[in-house]
């Protein structure tokens, strides 16, 4: 039983039936939140044409092609989960479709890979109509300061 730990049984919570073991893989360290320092704190703007929309858990993704330096680069943009997009932003299957030209504002991976995080300080706008399709509550706010981009962390 490697990578497992004993979970104390809580009588009454599930009757007398409980799961005595669960994998450590399901538990995150405090340092893993919210994005384990994988993304730059400053936002970037990238425009491109949607190739695919993947409404999957735990994070929906938009795959799009953007032209950089005369070459087409395949990007991915990570959002919240599908249920959040439906409930909080009113998304439907026709909100974003392949072929749409969009401008994304989000945080890029520190490695420089063509991957955006759109869960914080992010925005998506249709290039053709100018219509805002997505905006996080903290869009437009200044990037956090300090080590690892967190205000007040020593």
N, C-alpha and C. Protein backbone atom coordinates (compact mmCIF):
# COMPACT_ATOMS: atom_id res chain seq x y z
N UNK A 1 0.83 -1.19 0.00
CA UNK A 1 0.00 0.00 0.00
C UNK A 1 0.87 1.25 0.00
N UNK A 2 1.64 1.42 -1.02
CA UNK A 2 2.45 2.62 -1.12
C UNK A 2 1.58 3.80 -1.48
N UNK A 3 2.00 4.97 -1.06
CA UNK A 3 1.28 6.21 -1.32
C UNK A 3 -0.13 6.23 -0.77
N UNK A 4 -0.38 5.49 0.29
CA UNK A 4 -1.69 5.52 0.93
C UNK A 4 -1.51 5.88 2.39
N UNK A 5 -2.54 6.49 2.94
CA UNK A 5 -2.50 6.80 4.36
C UNK A 5 -3.81 6.38 5.00
N UNK A 6 -3.77 6.11 6.27
CA UNK A 6 -4.96 5.70 7.00
C UNK A 6 -5.81 6.94 7.23
N UNK A 7 -7.09 6.85 6.89
CA UNK A 7 -8.03 7.94 7.13
C UNK A 7 -8.88 7.55 8.32
N UNK A 8 -8.91 8.39 9.37
CA UNK A 8 -9.70 8.02 10.53
C UNK A 8 -11.17 7.89 10.16
N UNK A 9 -11.81 6.86 10.72
CA UNK A 9 -13.23 6.63 10.47
C UNK A 9 -14.03 7.60 11.32
N UNK A 10 -14.98 8.27 10.72
CA UNK A 10 -15.86 9.20 11.44
C UNK A 10 -17.24 8.58 11.51
N UNK A 11 -17.54 7.99 12.63
CA UNK A 11 -18.82 7.32 12.77
C UNK A 11 -19.94 8.36 12.72
N UNK A 12 -21.01 8.03 12.06
CA UNK A 12 -22.14 8.93 11.94
C UNK A 12 -22.09 9.76 10.66
N UNK A 13 -20.90 10.04 10.18
CA UNK A 13 -20.78 10.82 8.96
C UNK A 13 -21.23 10.00 7.75
N UNK A 14 -20.84 8.74 7.71
CA UNK A 14 -21.26 7.84 6.64
C UNK A 14 -21.79 6.54 7.25
N UNK A 15 -22.44 6.66 8.36
CA UNK A 15 -22.87 5.46 9.06
C UNK A 15 -21.63 4.74 9.56
N UNK A 16 -21.59 3.43 9.44
CA UNK A 16 -20.43 2.68 9.88
C UNK A 16 -19.58 2.27 8.70
N UNK A 17 -19.94 2.77 7.51
CA UNK A 17 -19.17 2.43 6.33
C UNK A 17 -18.31 3.63 5.98
N UNK A 18 -17.06 3.39 5.77
CA UNK A 18 -16.16 4.48 5.40
C UNK A 18 -15.06 3.95 4.52
N UNK A 19 -14.30 4.84 3.95
CA UNK A 19 -13.15 4.42 3.14
C UNK A 19 -11.93 4.52 4.04
N UNK A 20 -11.38 3.37 4.47
CA UNK A 20 -10.29 3.43 5.42
C UNK A 20 -8.97 3.92 4.84
N UNK A 21 -8.79 3.83 3.54
CA UNK A 21 -7.54 4.29 2.94
C UNK A 21 -7.84 5.18 1.76
N UNK A 22 -7.01 6.16 1.56
CA UNK A 22 -7.11 6.96 0.35
C UNK A 22 -5.71 7.35 -0.08
N UNK A 23 -5.55 7.60 -1.34
CA UNK A 23 -4.24 7.87 -1.91
C UNK A 23 -3.76 9.26 -1.52
N UNK A 24 -2.47 9.38 -1.24
CA UNK A 24 -1.88 10.69 -0.99
C UNK A 24 -1.93 11.55 -2.24
N UNK A 25 -2.07 10.94 -3.40
CA UNK A 25 -2.09 11.69 -4.66
C UNK A 25 -3.27 12.64 -4.73
N UNK A 26 -4.30 12.42 -3.91
CA UNK A 26 -5.47 13.29 -3.95
C UNK A 26 -5.27 14.53 -3.09
N UNK A 27 -4.19 14.62 -2.35
CA UNK A 27 -3.96 15.75 -1.45
C UNK A 27 -2.86 16.64 -1.99
N UNK A 28 -3.10 17.93 -1.95
CA UNK A 28 -2.11 18.90 -2.43
C UNK A 28 -1.43 19.55 -1.23
N UNK A 29 -0.21 19.95 -1.44
CA UNK A 29 0.49 20.74 -0.44
C UNK A 29 0.01 22.16 -0.52
N UNK A 30 0.15 22.89 0.57
CA UNK A 30 -0.28 24.28 0.58
C UNK A 30 0.42 25.07 -0.53
N UNK A 31 1.68 24.74 -0.82
CA UNK A 31 2.43 25.44 -1.86
C UNK A 31 1.90 25.20 -3.26
N UNK A 32 1.01 24.23 -3.42
CA UNK A 32 0.46 23.94 -4.74
C UNK A 32 -0.65 24.90 -5.15
N UNK A 33 -1.11 25.75 -4.26
CA UNK A 33 -2.22 26.63 -4.57
C UNK A 33 -1.71 28.02 -4.88
N UNK A 34 -2.29 28.85 -5.71
CA UNK A 34 -3.31 28.42 -6.65
C UNK A 34 -2.71 27.81 -7.90
N UNK A 35 -1.50 28.18 -8.28
CA UNK A 35 -0.97 27.62 -9.52
C UNK A 35 0.50 27.22 -9.40
N UNK A 36 0.94 27.00 -8.17
CA UNK A 36 2.29 26.50 -7.89
C UNK A 36 3.39 27.34 -8.55
N UNK A 37 3.14 28.64 -8.71
CA UNK A 37 4.16 29.56 -9.22
C UNK A 37 4.64 29.20 -10.63
N UNK A 38 3.75 28.61 -11.43
CA UNK A 38 4.12 28.22 -12.80
C UNK A 38 3.95 29.33 -13.82
N UNK A 39 3.16 30.35 -13.45
CA UNK A 39 2.82 31.40 -14.42
C UNK A 39 3.43 32.73 -14.03
N UNK A 40 3.78 33.53 -15.03
CA UNK A 40 4.22 34.90 -14.78
C UNK A 40 3.05 35.66 -14.17
N UNK A 41 3.34 36.62 -13.30
CA UNK A 41 2.27 37.40 -12.69
C UNK A 41 1.74 38.46 -13.65
N UNK A 42 2.58 38.97 -14.53
CA UNK A 42 2.13 39.98 -15.49
C UNK A 42 1.32 39.30 -16.60
N UNK A 43 0.27 39.96 -17.05
CA UNK A 43 -0.55 39.40 -18.11
C UNK A 43 0.02 39.75 -19.48
N UNK A 44 -0.31 38.91 -20.47
CA UNK A 44 0.07 39.14 -21.86
C UNK A 44 -1.19 39.09 -22.71
N UNK A 45 -1.12 39.66 -23.90
CA UNK A 45 -2.24 39.65 -24.84
C UNK A 45 -1.83 38.84 -26.06
N UNK A 46 -2.69 37.88 -26.43
CA UNK A 46 -2.43 37.03 -27.60
C UNK A 46 -3.74 36.93 -28.38
N UNK A 47 -3.68 37.14 -29.69
CA UNK A 47 -4.85 36.99 -30.56
C UNK A 47 -4.64 35.79 -31.47
N UNK A 48 -5.73 35.06 -31.71
CA UNK A 48 -5.62 33.91 -32.58
C UNK A 48 -6.97 33.36 -32.99
N UNK A 49 -6.93 32.27 -33.74
CA UNK A 49 -8.13 31.62 -34.26
C UNK A 49 -8.36 30.31 -33.52
N UNK A 50 -9.56 30.14 -33.00
CA UNK A 50 -9.90 28.95 -32.22
C UNK A 50 -9.86 27.70 -33.10
N UNK A 51 -9.18 26.67 -32.58
CA UNK A 51 -9.09 25.37 -33.24
C UNK A 51 -10.01 24.37 -32.56
N UNK A 52 -10.06 24.43 -31.22
CA UNK A 52 -10.85 23.46 -30.45
C UNK A 52 -11.20 24.04 -29.10
N UNK A 53 -12.37 23.66 -28.58
CA UNK A 53 -12.79 24.02 -27.23
C UNK A 53 -13.00 22.71 -26.49
N UNK A 54 -12.31 22.55 -25.37
CA UNK A 54 -12.37 21.31 -24.59
C UNK A 54 -13.02 21.59 -23.25
N UNK A 55 -14.30 21.27 -23.14
CA UNK A 55 -15.05 21.49 -21.90
C UNK A 55 -14.89 20.25 -21.03
N UNK A 56 -13.75 20.14 -20.36
CA UNK A 56 -13.42 18.98 -19.54
C UNK A 56 -13.06 19.43 -18.14
N UNK A 57 -13.19 18.53 -17.17
CA UNK A 57 -12.78 18.81 -15.80
C UNK A 57 -11.34 18.42 -15.59
N UNK A 58 -10.58 19.05 -14.75
CA UNK A 58 -11.02 20.13 -13.87
C UNK A 58 -10.97 21.51 -14.52
N UNK A 59 -10.33 21.65 -15.68
CA UNK A 59 -10.23 22.96 -16.33
C UNK A 59 -10.56 22.84 -17.81
N UNK A 60 -11.46 23.70 -18.26
CA UNK A 60 -11.75 23.77 -19.69
C UNK A 60 -10.55 24.41 -20.38
N UNK A 61 -10.36 24.07 -21.66
CA UNK A 61 -9.24 24.63 -22.43
C UNK A 61 -9.73 25.09 -23.79
N UNK A 62 -9.09 26.14 -24.27
CA UNK A 62 -9.32 26.61 -25.63
C UNK A 62 -7.99 26.45 -26.36
N UNK A 63 -8.01 25.74 -27.47
CA UNK A 63 -6.82 25.57 -28.29
C UNK A 63 -6.97 26.54 -29.45
N UNK A 64 -5.93 27.33 -29.71
CA UNK A 64 -6.01 28.32 -30.79
C UNK A 64 -4.66 28.50 -31.45
N UNK A 65 -4.70 28.98 -32.69
CA UNK A 65 -3.48 29.27 -33.45
C UNK A 65 -3.27 30.77 -33.49
N UNK A 66 -2.04 31.20 -33.19
CA UNK A 66 -1.67 32.60 -33.25
C UNK A 66 -0.43 32.73 -34.14
N UNK A 67 -0.34 33.82 -34.88
CA UNK A 67 0.81 34.05 -35.74
C UNK A 67 1.81 34.89 -34.96
N UNK A 68 3.03 34.35 -34.85
CA UNK A 68 4.11 35.05 -34.14
C UNK A 68 5.34 35.04 -35.02
N UNK A 69 5.82 36.20 -35.39
CA UNK A 69 7.02 36.29 -36.23
C UNK A 69 6.85 35.59 -37.57
N UNK A 70 5.64 35.63 -38.13
CA UNK A 70 5.37 35.00 -39.42
C UNK A 70 5.09 33.51 -39.36
N UNK A 71 5.15 32.92 -38.16
CA UNK A 71 4.90 31.48 -38.02
C UNK A 71 3.64 31.25 -37.18
N UNK A 72 2.90 30.22 -37.52
CA UNK A 72 1.72 29.87 -36.75
C UNK A 72 2.13 29.02 -35.55
N UNK A 73 1.68 29.45 -34.37
CA UNK A 73 2.00 28.76 -33.12
C UNK A 73 0.70 28.29 -32.49
N UNK A 74 0.65 27.03 -32.11
CA UNK A 74 -0.53 26.46 -31.45
C UNK A 74 -0.46 26.75 -29.95
N UNK A 75 -1.47 27.45 -29.44
CA UNK A 75 -1.57 27.83 -28.04
C UNK A 75 -2.68 27.06 -27.34
N UNK A 76 -2.62 27.01 -26.02
CA UNK A 76 -3.71 26.53 -25.20
C UNK A 76 -3.99 27.56 -24.12
N UNK A 77 -5.25 27.76 -23.81
CA UNK A 77 -5.65 28.67 -22.74
C UNK A 77 -6.50 27.87 -21.76
N UNK A 78 -6.13 27.91 -20.49
CA UNK A 78 -6.82 27.15 -19.44
C UNK A 78 -7.76 28.08 -18.67
N UNK A 79 -9.01 27.61 -18.51
CA UNK A 79 -10.01 28.37 -17.79
C UNK A 79 -10.44 27.59 -16.55
N UNK A 80 -11.50 28.04 -15.90
CA UNK A 80 -12.09 27.27 -14.81
C UNK A 80 -12.80 26.06 -15.39
N UNK A 81 -13.51 25.33 -14.53
CA UNK A 81 -14.23 24.15 -14.98
C UNK A 81 -15.45 24.48 -15.81
N UNK A 82 -15.93 23.50 -16.58
CA UNK A 82 -17.10 23.73 -17.43
C UNK A 82 -18.33 24.23 -16.67
N UNK A 83 -18.59 23.67 -15.50
CA UNK A 83 -19.77 24.10 -14.73
C UNK A 83 -19.67 25.56 -14.31
N UNK A 84 -18.46 26.00 -13.96
CA UNK A 84 -18.26 27.40 -13.60
C UNK A 84 -18.55 28.30 -14.81
N UNK A 85 -18.07 27.90 -15.98
CA UNK A 85 -18.28 28.70 -17.18
C UNK A 85 -19.76 28.79 -17.54
N UNK A 86 -20.47 27.70 -17.34
CA UNK A 86 -21.91 27.69 -17.64
C UNK A 86 -22.68 28.53 -16.63
N UNK A 87 -22.44 28.30 -15.34
CA UNK A 87 -23.20 28.99 -14.29
C UNK A 87 -22.79 30.45 -14.11
N UNK A 88 -21.49 30.71 -14.04
CA UNK A 88 -21.02 32.05 -13.73
C UNK A 88 -20.99 32.98 -14.95
N UNK A 89 -20.70 32.42 -16.12
CA UNK A 89 -20.53 33.26 -17.30
C UNK A 89 -21.59 33.03 -18.37
N UNK A 90 -22.49 32.07 -18.15
CA UNK A 90 -23.58 31.82 -19.09
C UNK A 90 -23.16 31.20 -20.41
N UNK A 91 -22.04 30.47 -20.40
CA UNK A 91 -21.56 29.85 -21.63
C UNK A 91 -22.49 28.74 -22.10
N UNK A 92 -22.59 28.62 -23.41
CA UNK A 92 -23.33 27.54 -24.07
C UNK A 92 -22.37 26.89 -25.07
N UNK A 93 -22.78 25.79 -25.71
CA UNK A 93 -21.90 25.18 -26.71
C UNK A 93 -21.54 26.12 -27.87
N UNK A 94 -22.31 27.18 -28.08
CA UNK A 94 -22.01 28.09 -29.20
C UNK A 94 -21.27 29.35 -28.75
N UNK A 95 -20.90 29.46 -27.48
CA UNK A 95 -20.21 30.66 -27.02
C UNK A 95 -18.88 30.83 -27.74
N UNK A 96 -18.09 29.78 -27.78
CA UNK A 96 -16.81 29.81 -28.51
C UNK A 96 -16.77 28.59 -29.41
N UNK A 97 -16.54 28.84 -30.71
CA UNK A 97 -16.51 27.76 -31.69
C UNK A 97 -15.23 27.84 -32.53
N UNK A 98 -14.81 26.70 -33.07
CA UNK A 98 -13.65 26.71 -33.97
C UNK A 98 -13.87 27.73 -35.09
N UNK A 99 -12.79 28.44 -35.43
CA UNK A 99 -12.84 29.45 -36.48
C UNK A 99 -13.00 30.87 -35.96
N UNK A 100 -13.46 31.01 -34.70
CA UNK A 100 -13.62 32.36 -34.15
C UNK A 100 -12.25 32.98 -33.91
N UNK A 101 -12.16 34.28 -34.17
CA UNK A 101 -10.93 35.02 -33.90
C UNK A 101 -11.12 35.74 -32.56
N UNK A 102 -10.23 35.44 -31.62
CA UNK A 102 -10.35 35.97 -30.27
C UNK A 102 -9.05 36.61 -29.81
N UNK A 103 -9.18 37.55 -28.87
CA UNK A 103 -8.03 38.11 -28.18
C UNK A 103 -8.10 37.67 -26.74
N UNK A 104 -7.02 37.06 -26.25
CA UNK A 104 -6.93 36.53 -24.90
C UNK A 104 -5.97 37.39 -24.09
N UNK A 105 -6.34 37.72 -22.88
CA UNK A 105 -5.43 38.36 -21.94
C UNK A 105 -5.35 37.44 -20.74
N UNK A 106 -4.13 36.99 -20.44
CA UNK A 106 -3.94 36.06 -19.32
C UNK A 106 -2.47 35.96 -18.96
N UNK A 107 -2.18 35.02 -18.07
CA UNK A 107 -0.81 34.84 -17.59
C UNK A 107 -0.16 33.65 -18.29
N UNK A 108 1.04 33.88 -18.83
CA UNK A 108 1.75 32.86 -19.59
C UNK A 108 2.64 32.03 -18.67
N UNK A 109 2.84 30.76 -19.05
CA UNK A 109 3.76 29.91 -18.32
C UNK A 109 5.14 30.56 -18.25
N UNK A 110 5.81 30.43 -17.11
CA UNK A 110 7.15 30.99 -16.96
C UNK A 110 8.15 30.37 -17.92
N UNK A 111 7.89 29.14 -18.33
CA UNK A 111 8.80 28.46 -19.25
C UNK A 111 8.78 29.10 -20.63
N UNK A 112 7.76 29.93 -20.91
CA UNK A 112 7.64 30.55 -22.22
C UNK A 112 6.83 29.73 -23.20
N UNK A 113 6.37 28.56 -22.77
CA UNK A 113 5.54 27.71 -23.63
C UNK A 113 4.26 28.46 -23.99
N UNK A 114 3.67 28.15 -25.14
CA UNK A 114 2.45 28.85 -25.58
C UNK A 114 1.21 28.35 -24.82
N UNK A 115 1.11 28.74 -23.57
CA UNK A 115 0.03 28.29 -22.68
C UNK A 115 -0.34 29.43 -21.76
N UNK A 116 -1.64 29.77 -21.71
CA UNK A 116 -2.14 30.86 -20.88
C UNK A 116 -3.03 30.34 -19.77
N UNK A 117 -2.92 30.95 -18.61
CA UNK A 117 -3.85 30.70 -17.52
C UNK A 117 -4.85 31.84 -17.53
N UNK A 118 -6.13 31.50 -17.64
CA UNK A 118 -7.19 32.51 -17.70
C UNK A 118 -8.07 32.47 -16.46
N UNK A 119 -7.52 32.02 -15.33
CA UNK A 119 -8.34 31.94 -14.12
C UNK A 119 -8.21 33.18 -13.24
N UNK A 120 -7.21 34.03 -13.49
CA UNK A 120 -7.02 35.26 -12.72
C UNK A 120 -6.64 36.40 -13.65
N UNK A 121 -7.23 37.58 -13.41
CA UNK A 121 -6.91 38.79 -14.18
C UNK A 121 -6.95 38.53 -15.68
N UNK A 122 -7.99 37.86 -16.14
CA UNK A 122 -8.06 37.42 -17.53
C UNK A 122 -9.30 37.94 -18.24
N UNK A 123 -9.21 37.89 -19.59
CA UNK A 123 -10.28 38.43 -20.42
C UNK A 123 -10.21 37.78 -21.80
N UNK A 124 -11.39 37.56 -22.42
CA UNK A 124 -11.45 37.09 -23.80
C UNK A 124 -12.44 37.99 -24.55
N UNK A 125 -12.00 38.49 -25.71
CA UNK A 125 -12.83 39.37 -26.53
C UNK A 125 -12.84 38.86 -27.96
N UNK A 126 -14.01 38.91 -28.62
CA UNK A 126 -14.11 38.56 -30.03
C UNK A 126 -13.46 39.65 -30.87
N UNK A 127 -12.54 39.25 -31.75
CA UNK A 127 -11.86 40.22 -32.62
C UNK A 127 -12.85 40.83 -33.60
N UNK A 128 -13.76 40.03 -34.15
CA UNK A 128 -14.69 40.49 -35.18
C UNK A 128 -15.76 41.45 -34.65
N UNK A 129 -16.29 41.16 -33.44
CA UNK A 129 -17.41 41.97 -32.93
C UNK A 129 -17.02 42.90 -31.80
N UNK A 130 -15.87 42.65 -31.17
CA UNK A 130 -15.48 43.44 -30.00
C UNK A 130 -16.21 43.04 -28.74
N UNK A 131 -17.05 42.01 -28.83
CA UNK A 131 -17.84 41.56 -27.69
C UNK A 131 -16.95 40.82 -26.68
N UNK A 132 -17.11 41.21 -25.42
CA UNK A 132 -16.40 40.52 -24.35
C UNK A 132 -17.11 39.20 -24.05
N UNK A 133 -16.36 38.11 -24.09
CA UNK A 133 -16.92 36.77 -23.89
C UNK A 133 -16.66 36.27 -22.49
N UNK A 134 -15.58 36.76 -21.89
CA UNK A 134 -15.15 36.23 -20.59
C UNK A 134 -14.34 37.29 -19.88
N UNK A 135 -14.57 37.44 -18.57
CA UNK A 135 -13.80 38.39 -17.75
C UNK A 135 -13.81 37.88 -16.32
N UNK A 136 -12.62 37.71 -15.75
CA UNK A 136 -12.56 37.32 -14.34
C UNK A 136 -12.87 38.54 -13.48
N UNK A 137 -13.29 38.28 -12.25
CA UNK A 137 -13.67 39.37 -11.36
C UNK A 137 -12.52 40.33 -11.10
N UNK A 138 -11.29 39.83 -11.14
CA UNK A 138 -10.13 40.69 -10.84
C UNK A 138 -9.41 41.17 -12.10
N UNK A 139 -10.06 41.09 -13.26
CA UNK A 139 -9.44 41.56 -14.50
C UNK A 139 -9.13 43.05 -14.38
N UNK A 140 -7.93 43.44 -14.81
CA UNK A 140 -7.52 44.84 -14.78
C UNK A 140 -6.79 45.21 -13.51
N UNK A 141 -6.81 44.34 -12.51
CA UNK A 141 -6.08 44.64 -11.28
C UNK A 141 -4.59 44.48 -11.50
N UNK A 142 -3.83 45.22 -10.72
CA UNK A 142 -2.38 45.17 -10.78
C UNK A 142 -1.89 43.78 -10.32
N UNK A 143 -0.80 43.32 -10.92
CA UNK A 143 -0.21 42.04 -10.52
C UNK A 143 0.28 42.12 -9.08
N UNK A 144 0.11 41.03 -8.31
CA UNK A 144 0.63 41.01 -6.95
C UNK A 144 2.13 41.23 -6.94
N UNK A 145 2.62 41.78 -5.84
CA UNK A 145 4.05 42.05 -5.70
C UNK A 145 4.65 41.12 -4.66
N UNK A 146 5.97 41.05 -4.65
CA UNK A 146 6.67 40.25 -3.65
C UNK A 146 7.10 38.92 -4.21
N UNK A 147 7.81 38.13 -3.40
CA UNK A 147 8.25 36.81 -3.85
C UNK A 147 7.08 35.97 -4.33
N UNK A 148 7.27 35.29 -5.42
CA UNK A 148 6.26 34.42 -6.02
C UNK A 148 4.99 35.19 -6.34
N UNK A 149 5.09 36.51 -6.46
CA UNK A 149 3.94 37.32 -6.86
C UNK A 149 2.87 37.43 -5.82
N UNK A 150 3.19 37.17 -4.55
CA UNK A 150 2.18 37.22 -3.51
C UNK A 150 2.48 38.35 -2.55
N UNK A 151 1.56 39.25 -2.38
CA UNK A 151 1.76 40.39 -1.49
C UNK A 151 1.96 39.88 -0.07
N UNK A 152 3.01 40.36 0.58
CA UNK A 152 3.21 40.06 1.98
C UNK A 152 3.96 38.76 2.28
N UNK A 153 4.24 37.92 1.30
CA UNK A 153 5.00 36.70 1.59
C UNK A 153 6.48 37.05 1.67
N UNK A 154 7.13 36.61 2.73
CA UNK A 154 8.56 36.91 2.84
C UNK A 154 9.39 36.07 1.89
